[in-house]
């Protein structure tokens, strides 16, 4: 059995949405000292929709694939959906990750949450009531 699924390999070899959004509405950066992976997510939000999302990731193949898949899962979707994205959903969309690489999907979730927190800090009036 292969260590990584074809989807993981595809998103590692051909990551989607790589880059920087210069005038991003929200930016989040997270890192994991355990493995050395660092992810930075940039969000462009119009109304209640994530109209664009880009990432920069320094890390292993699983970290790059998780970042890529996470951006695909929220791009064009309502902000409310992006807020609910879980690492489990990222891993499932990649057809699974080895147990010792699940922290990469956690970083992708945390990077998006960090970027959304930055967005709401800049635009507190847009934060949904809890």
N, C-alpha and C. Protein backbone atom coordinates (compact mmCIF):
# COMPACT_ATOMS: atom_id res chain seq x y z
N UNK A 1 0.84 -1.19 0.00
CA UNK A 1 0.00 0.00 0.00
C UNK A 1 0.88 1.25 0.00
N UNK A 2 0.49 2.22 -0.80
CA UNK A 2 1.25 3.47 -0.89
C UNK A 2 1.09 4.26 0.41
N UNK A 3 2.14 4.96 0.78
CA UNK A 3 2.13 5.78 1.99
C UNK A 3 1.15 6.95 1.84
N UNK A 4 1.10 7.55 0.65
CA UNK A 4 0.24 8.70 0.40
C UNK A 4 -0.74 8.38 -0.72
N UNK A 5 -1.94 8.92 -0.61
CA UNK A 5 -2.96 8.75 -1.65
C UNK A 5 -2.56 9.51 -2.91
N UNK A 6 -3.19 9.17 -4.00
CA UNK A 6 -2.95 9.89 -5.26
C UNK A 6 -3.33 11.37 -5.12
N UNK A 7 -4.39 11.66 -4.35
CA UNK A 7 -4.80 13.06 -4.17
C UNK A 7 -3.74 13.84 -3.41
N UNK A 8 -3.14 13.24 -2.40
CA UNK A 8 -2.07 13.92 -1.67
C UNK A 8 -0.93 14.22 -2.63
N UNK A 9 -0.54 13.21 -3.40
CA UNK A 9 0.57 13.40 -4.34
C UNK A 9 0.24 14.44 -5.39
N UNK A 10 -0.98 14.46 -5.88
CA UNK A 10 -1.40 15.44 -6.89
C UNK A 10 -1.34 16.86 -6.33
N UNK A 11 -1.84 17.05 -5.11
CA UNK A 11 -1.82 18.39 -4.51
C UNK A 11 -0.41 18.79 -4.09
N UNK A 12 0.46 17.83 -3.82
CA UNK A 12 1.85 18.14 -3.52
C UNK A 12 2.59 18.55 -4.79
N UNK A 13 2.39 17.78 -5.86
CA UNK A 13 3.09 18.06 -7.13
C UNK A 13 2.53 19.30 -7.84
N UNK A 14 1.24 19.52 -7.72
CA UNK A 14 0.56 20.62 -8.42
C UNK A 14 -0.35 21.37 -7.45
N UNK A 15 0.24 22.04 -6.48
CA UNK A 15 -0.59 22.72 -5.48
C UNK A 15 -1.42 23.85 -6.12
N UNK A 16 -2.63 23.99 -5.62
CA UNK A 16 -3.54 25.03 -6.08
C UNK A 16 -3.42 26.24 -5.16
N UNK A 17 -3.64 27.41 -5.73
CA UNK A 17 -3.77 28.65 -4.97
C UNK A 17 -2.51 29.04 -4.19
N UNK A 18 -1.36 28.78 -4.75
CA UNK A 18 -0.10 29.17 -4.13
C UNK A 18 0.14 30.65 -4.40
N UNK A 19 0.61 31.36 -3.39
CA UNK A 19 0.99 32.76 -3.61
C UNK A 19 0.52 33.65 -2.49
N UNK A 20 0.54 34.94 -2.79
CA UNK A 20 0.23 35.99 -1.83
C UNK A 20 -0.91 36.83 -2.40
N UNK A 21 -1.81 37.26 -1.54
CA UNK A 21 -2.80 38.27 -1.90
C UNK A 21 -2.34 39.55 -1.22
N UNK A 22 -1.83 40.49 -2.00
CA UNK A 22 -1.23 41.71 -1.45
C UNK A 22 -2.20 42.52 -0.60
N UNK A 23 -3.45 42.61 -1.03
CA UNK A 23 -4.45 43.40 -0.29
C UNK A 23 -5.44 42.48 0.42
N UNK A 24 -4.93 41.42 1.02
CA UNK A 24 -5.77 40.42 1.68
C UNK A 24 -6.61 41.05 2.79
N UNK A 25 -7.82 40.53 2.93
CA UNK A 25 -8.70 40.97 4.01
C UNK A 25 -8.34 40.30 5.33
N UNK A 26 -7.74 39.13 5.25
CA UNK A 26 -7.32 38.42 6.45
C UNK A 26 -6.08 37.59 6.14
N UNK A 27 -5.12 37.60 7.06
CA UNK A 27 -3.89 36.83 6.90
C UNK A 27 -3.64 36.07 8.19
N UNK A 28 -3.34 34.79 8.05
CA UNK A 28 -3.04 33.98 9.22
C UNK A 28 -1.80 33.16 9.00
N UNK A 29 -0.97 33.08 10.02
CA UNK A 29 0.25 32.28 9.93
C UNK A 29 0.34 31.39 11.16
N UNK A 30 0.61 30.12 10.93
CA UNK A 30 0.77 29.17 12.02
C UNK A 30 1.98 28.31 11.73
N UNK A 31 2.53 27.74 12.78
CA UNK A 31 3.68 26.86 12.62
C UNK A 31 3.67 25.77 13.66
N UNK A 32 4.42 24.74 13.37
CA UNK A 32 4.53 23.62 14.28
C UNK A 32 6.00 23.33 14.50
N UNK A 33 6.49 23.63 15.68
CA UNK A 33 7.91 23.45 15.98
C UNK A 33 8.32 21.98 15.90
N UNK A 34 7.36 21.10 16.15
CA UNK A 34 7.64 19.65 16.12
C UNK A 34 8.17 19.20 14.77
N UNK A 35 7.57 19.70 13.72
CA UNK A 35 7.97 19.24 12.38
C UNK A 35 8.59 20.34 11.52
N UNK A 36 8.48 21.59 11.96
CA UNK A 36 9.08 22.68 11.19
C UNK A 36 8.20 23.25 10.09
N UNK A 37 6.95 22.78 10.00
CA UNK A 37 6.04 23.29 8.97
C UNK A 37 5.51 24.67 9.36
N UNK A 38 5.44 25.57 8.38
CA UNK A 38 4.87 26.90 8.59
C UNK A 38 3.90 27.16 7.44
N UNK A 39 2.69 27.59 7.78
CA UNK A 39 1.67 27.90 6.77
C UNK A 39 1.20 29.33 6.95
N UNK A 40 1.02 29.99 5.83
CA UNK A 40 0.47 31.35 5.83
C UNK A 40 -0.69 31.35 4.84
N UNK A 41 -1.85 31.78 5.29
CA UNK A 41 -3.06 31.84 4.46
C UNK A 41 -3.49 33.29 4.28
N UNK A 42 -3.91 33.60 3.07
CA UNK A 42 -4.41 34.92 2.72
C UNK A 42 -5.84 34.78 2.22
N UNK A 43 -6.74 35.59 2.75
CA UNK A 43 -8.14 35.53 2.35
C UNK A 43 -8.59 36.86 1.74
N UNK A 44 -9.37 36.76 0.70
CA UNK A 44 -10.08 37.90 0.12
C UNK A 44 -11.56 37.60 0.31
N UNK A 45 -12.24 38.49 0.99
CA UNK A 45 -13.64 38.27 1.32
C UNK A 45 -14.48 39.40 0.78
N UNK A 46 -15.55 39.04 0.08
CA UNK A 46 -16.49 40.03 -0.46
C UNK A 46 -17.87 39.67 0.06
N UNK A 47 -18.45 40.56 0.84
CA UNK A 47 -19.74 40.25 1.46
C UNK A 47 -19.54 39.14 2.46
N UNK A 48 -20.16 38.00 2.20
CA UNK A 48 -19.98 36.86 3.10
C UNK A 48 -19.35 35.67 2.37
N UNK A 49 -18.59 35.98 1.30
CA UNK A 49 -18.00 34.92 0.48
C UNK A 49 -16.48 35.04 0.42
N UNK A 50 -15.81 33.92 0.55
CA UNK A 50 -14.36 33.87 0.36
C UNK A 50 -14.14 33.84 -1.16
N UNK A 51 -13.80 34.99 -1.71
CA UNK A 51 -13.68 35.09 -3.16
C UNK A 51 -12.31 34.63 -3.66
N UNK A 52 -11.30 34.71 -2.79
CA UNK A 52 -9.97 34.22 -3.17
C UNK A 52 -9.23 33.79 -1.91
N UNK A 53 -8.36 32.83 -2.08
CA UNK A 53 -7.54 32.35 -0.98
C UNK A 53 -6.23 31.85 -1.57
N UNK A 54 -5.14 32.23 -0.95
CA UNK A 54 -3.82 31.80 -1.40
C UNK A 54 -3.03 31.37 -0.17
N UNK A 55 -1.99 30.59 -0.40
CA UNK A 55 -1.16 30.15 0.71
C UNK A 55 0.30 30.10 0.34
N UNK A 56 1.12 30.20 1.38
CA UNK A 56 2.55 29.94 1.29
C UNK A 56 2.84 28.93 2.40
N UNK A 57 3.47 27.83 2.05
CA UNK A 57 3.79 26.81 3.04
C UNK A 57 5.23 26.40 2.91
N UNK A 58 5.90 26.40 4.04
CA UNK A 58 7.25 25.86 4.13
C UNK A 58 7.10 24.57 4.92
N UNK A 59 7.31 23.45 4.26
CA UNK A 59 7.15 22.20 4.97
C UNK A 59 7.15 21.00 4.06
N UNK A 60 6.70 19.91 4.63
CA UNK A 60 6.72 18.62 3.94
C UNK A 60 5.59 18.53 2.91
N UNK A 61 5.59 17.46 2.16
CA UNK A 61 4.59 17.23 1.13
C UNK A 61 3.17 17.21 1.68
N UNK A 62 2.99 16.62 2.86
CA UNK A 62 1.65 16.58 3.46
C UNK A 62 1.18 17.97 3.85
N UNK A 63 2.09 18.82 4.29
CA UNK A 63 1.73 20.20 4.65
C UNK A 63 1.31 20.98 3.41
N UNK A 64 2.05 20.81 2.33
CA UNK A 64 1.71 21.50 1.07
C UNK A 64 0.38 21.00 0.54
N UNK A 65 0.19 19.67 0.54
CA UNK A 65 -1.07 19.10 0.04
C UNK A 65 -2.24 19.55 0.91
N UNK A 66 -2.06 19.59 2.23
CA UNK A 66 -3.13 20.02 3.13
C UNK A 66 -3.49 21.48 2.90
N UNK A 67 -2.48 22.32 2.71
CA UNK A 67 -2.74 23.74 2.42
C UNK A 67 -3.51 23.89 1.12
N UNK A 68 -3.06 23.20 0.10
CA UNK A 68 -3.70 23.27 -1.21
C UNK A 68 -5.16 22.82 -1.14
N UNK A 69 -5.40 21.68 -0.51
CA UNK A 69 -6.76 21.16 -0.42
C UNK A 69 -7.64 22.09 0.41
N UNK A 70 -7.12 22.60 1.51
CA UNK A 70 -7.91 23.51 2.34
C UNK A 70 -8.37 24.73 1.56
N UNK A 71 -7.48 25.28 0.72
CA UNK A 71 -7.88 26.45 -0.07
C UNK A 71 -8.98 26.07 -1.06
N UNK A 72 -8.87 24.89 -1.64
CA UNK A 72 -9.89 24.44 -2.59
C UNK A 72 -11.25 24.27 -1.90
N UNK A 73 -11.22 23.84 -0.66
CA UNK A 73 -12.47 23.57 0.06
C UNK A 73 -13.20 24.84 0.49
N UNK A 74 -12.49 25.97 0.58
CA UNK A 74 -13.18 27.19 1.03
C UNK A 74 -13.34 28.25 -0.06
N UNK A 75 -12.59 28.15 -1.13
CA UNK A 75 -12.65 29.17 -2.19
C UNK A 75 -14.03 29.20 -2.82
N UNK A 76 -14.62 30.40 -2.85
CA UNK A 76 -15.94 30.58 -3.44
C UNK A 76 -17.08 30.22 -2.52
N UNK A 77 -16.75 29.84 -1.29
CA UNK A 77 -17.76 29.41 -0.33
C UNK A 77 -18.07 30.53 0.66
N UNK A 78 -19.21 30.42 1.34
CA UNK A 78 -19.52 31.40 2.39
C UNK A 78 -18.48 31.36 3.51
N UNK A 79 -18.25 32.51 4.13
CA UNK A 79 -17.31 32.59 5.25
C UNK A 79 -17.73 31.62 6.34
N UNK A 80 -19.03 31.46 6.55
CA UNK A 80 -19.52 30.53 7.58
C UNK A 80 -19.01 29.11 7.33
N UNK A 81 -18.92 28.70 6.08
CA UNK A 81 -18.40 27.37 5.75
C UNK A 81 -16.90 27.29 6.05
N UNK A 82 -16.18 28.36 5.73
CA UNK A 82 -14.74 28.39 6.00
C UNK A 82 -14.48 28.29 7.51
N UNK A 83 -15.34 28.91 8.29
CA UNK A 83 -15.18 28.87 9.74
C UNK A 83 -15.38 27.46 10.29
N UNK A 84 -16.14 26.64 9.59
CA UNK A 84 -16.44 25.28 10.05
C UNK A 84 -15.48 24.24 9.50
N UNK A 85 -14.55 24.63 8.62
CA UNK A 85 -13.64 23.65 8.04
C UNK A 85 -12.80 22.99 9.12
N UNK A 86 -12.75 21.67 9.09
CA UNK A 86 -11.98 20.93 10.09
C UNK A 86 -10.80 20.23 9.43
N UNK A 87 -9.83 19.88 10.26
CA UNK A 87 -8.70 19.12 9.73
C UNK A 87 -9.17 17.77 9.22
N UNK A 88 -10.19 17.21 9.84
CA UNK A 88 -10.73 15.92 9.38
C UNK A 88 -11.26 16.03 7.95
N UNK A 89 -11.96 17.13 7.67
CA UNK A 89 -12.49 17.34 6.32
C UNK A 89 -11.36 17.48 5.30
N UNK A 90 -10.30 18.16 5.69
CA UNK A 90 -9.14 18.32 4.80
C UNK A 90 -8.51 16.95 4.52
N UNK A 91 -8.28 16.19 5.58
CA UNK A 91 -7.67 14.86 5.43
C UNK A 91 -8.56 13.93 4.59
N UNK A 92 -9.86 13.97 4.84
CA UNK A 92 -10.78 13.13 4.06
C UNK A 92 -10.78 13.52 2.59
N UNK A 93 -10.74 14.82 2.31
CA UNK A 93 -10.72 15.28 0.92
C UNK A 93 -9.45 14.83 0.20
N UNK A 94 -8.40 14.60 0.98
CA UNK A 94 -7.13 14.10 0.41
C UNK A 94 -7.09 12.58 0.37
N UNK A 95 -8.21 11.94 0.68
CA UNK A 95 -8.28 10.47 0.77
C UNK A 95 -7.36 9.93 1.85
N UNK A 96 -7.21 10.72 2.91
CA UNK A 96 -6.48 10.28 4.08
C UNK A 96 -5.03 10.73 4.12
N UNK A 97 -4.52 10.79 5.34
CA UNK A 97 -3.11 11.08 5.60
C UNK A 97 -2.62 10.04 6.61
N UNK A 98 -1.35 9.70 6.55
CA UNK A 98 -0.82 8.81 7.59
C UNK A 98 -1.02 9.46 8.96
N UNK A 99 -1.24 8.66 9.98
CA UNK A 99 -1.52 9.19 11.32
C UNK A 99 -0.46 10.19 11.78
N UNK A 100 0.80 9.92 11.48
CA UNK A 100 1.86 10.81 11.94
C UNK A 100 1.95 12.09 11.10
N UNK A 101 1.10 12.23 10.08
CA UNK A 101 1.06 13.45 9.27
C UNK A 101 -0.26 14.22 9.45
N UNK A 102 -1.13 13.74 10.33
CA UNK A 102 -2.41 14.43 10.54
C UNK A 102 -2.22 15.85 11.06
N UNK A 103 -1.09 16.12 11.73
CA UNK A 103 -0.84 17.48 12.23
C UNK A 103 -0.79 18.48 11.08
N UNK A 104 -0.49 18.02 9.87
CA UNK A 104 -0.46 18.93 8.72
C UNK A 104 -1.86 19.44 8.39
N UNK A 105 -2.85 18.56 8.48
CA UNK A 105 -4.23 19.00 8.23
C UNK A 105 -4.70 19.92 9.36
N UNK A 106 -4.21 19.68 10.57
CA UNK A 106 -4.54 20.56 11.70
C UNK A 106 -3.97 21.96 11.44
N UNK A 107 -2.75 22.03 10.94
CA UNK A 107 -2.15 23.33 10.62
C UNK A 107 -2.97 24.07 9.56
N UNK A 108 -3.46 23.35 8.56
CA UNK A 108 -4.27 24.00 7.52
C UNK A 108 -5.54 24.59 8.13
N UNK A 109 -6.21 23.84 8.99
CA UNK A 109 -7.40 24.35 9.68
C UNK A 109 -7.04 25.57 10.51
N UNK A 110 -5.95 25.48 11.27
CA UNK A 110 -5.54 26.59 12.14
C UNK A 110 -5.13 27.83 11.35
N UNK A 111 -4.51 27.65 10.20
CA UNK A 111 -4.11 28.79 9.37
C UNK A 111 -5.35 29.54 8.85
N UNK A 112 -6.36 28.80 8.44
CA UNK A 112 -7.60 29.43 7.98
C UNK A 112 -8.28 30.14 9.14
N UNK A 113 -8.34 29.49 10.30
CA UNK A 113 -8.95 30.11 11.48
C UNK A 113 -8.20 31.39 11.87
N UNK A 114 -6.88 31.35 11.77
CA UNK A 114 -6.06 32.53 12.09
C UNK A 114 -6.34 33.66 11.12
N UNK A 115 -6.47 33.34 9.83
CA UNK A 115 -6.76 34.37 8.82
C UNK A 115 -8.16 34.95 9.04
N UNK A 116 -9.11 34.11 9.41
CA UNK A 116 -10.47 34.60 9.70
C UNK A 116 -10.46 35.48 10.95
N UNK A 117 -9.69 35.10 11.96
CA UNK A 117 -9.59 35.92 13.17
C UNK A 117 -9.00 37.29 12.84
N UNK A 118 -8.00 37.31 11.96
CA UNK A 118 -7.41 38.57 11.52
C UNK A 118 -8.45 39.41 10.79
N UNK A 119 -9.23 38.79 9.92
CA UNK A 119 -10.29 39.48 9.19
C UNK A 119 -11.29 40.12 10.16
N UNK A 120 -11.73 39.35 11.15
CA UNK A 120 -12.72 39.86 12.10
C UNK A 120 -12.13 40.91 13.04
N UNK A 121 -10.83 40.84 13.29
CA UNK A 121 -10.19 41.89 14.09
C UNK A 121 -10.18 43.20 13.32
N UNK A 122 -9.96 43.12 12.00
CA UNK A 122 -9.97 44.30 11.16
C UNK A 122 -11.38 44.81 10.88
N UNK A 123 -12.36 43.90 10.90
CA UNK A 123 -13.75 44.22 10.58
C UNK A 123 -14.69 43.65 11.66
N UNK A 124 -14.62 44.17 12.89
CA UNK A 124 -15.42 43.60 13.98
C UNK A 124 -16.94 43.66 13.71
N UNK A 125 -17.35 44.60 12.91
CA UNK A 125 -18.77 44.73 12.60
C UNK A 125 -19.29 43.56 11.77
N UNK A 126 -18.41 42.82 11.15
CA UNK A 126 -18.82 41.69 10.30
C UNK A 126 -18.85 40.36 11.05
N UNK A 127 -18.33 40.37 12.28
CA UNK A 127 -18.27 39.12 13.04
C UNK A 127 -19.69 38.68 13.40
N UNK A 128 -20.01 37.42 13.10
CA UNK A 128 -21.37 36.93 13.41
C UNK A 128 -21.58 36.85 14.92
N UNK A 129 -22.82 37.04 15.32
CA UNK A 129 -23.17 36.93 16.73
C UNK A 129 -22.99 35.48 17.17
N UNK A 130 -22.49 35.30 18.37
CA UNK A 130 -22.29 33.93 18.86
C UNK A 130 -23.35 33.51 19.85
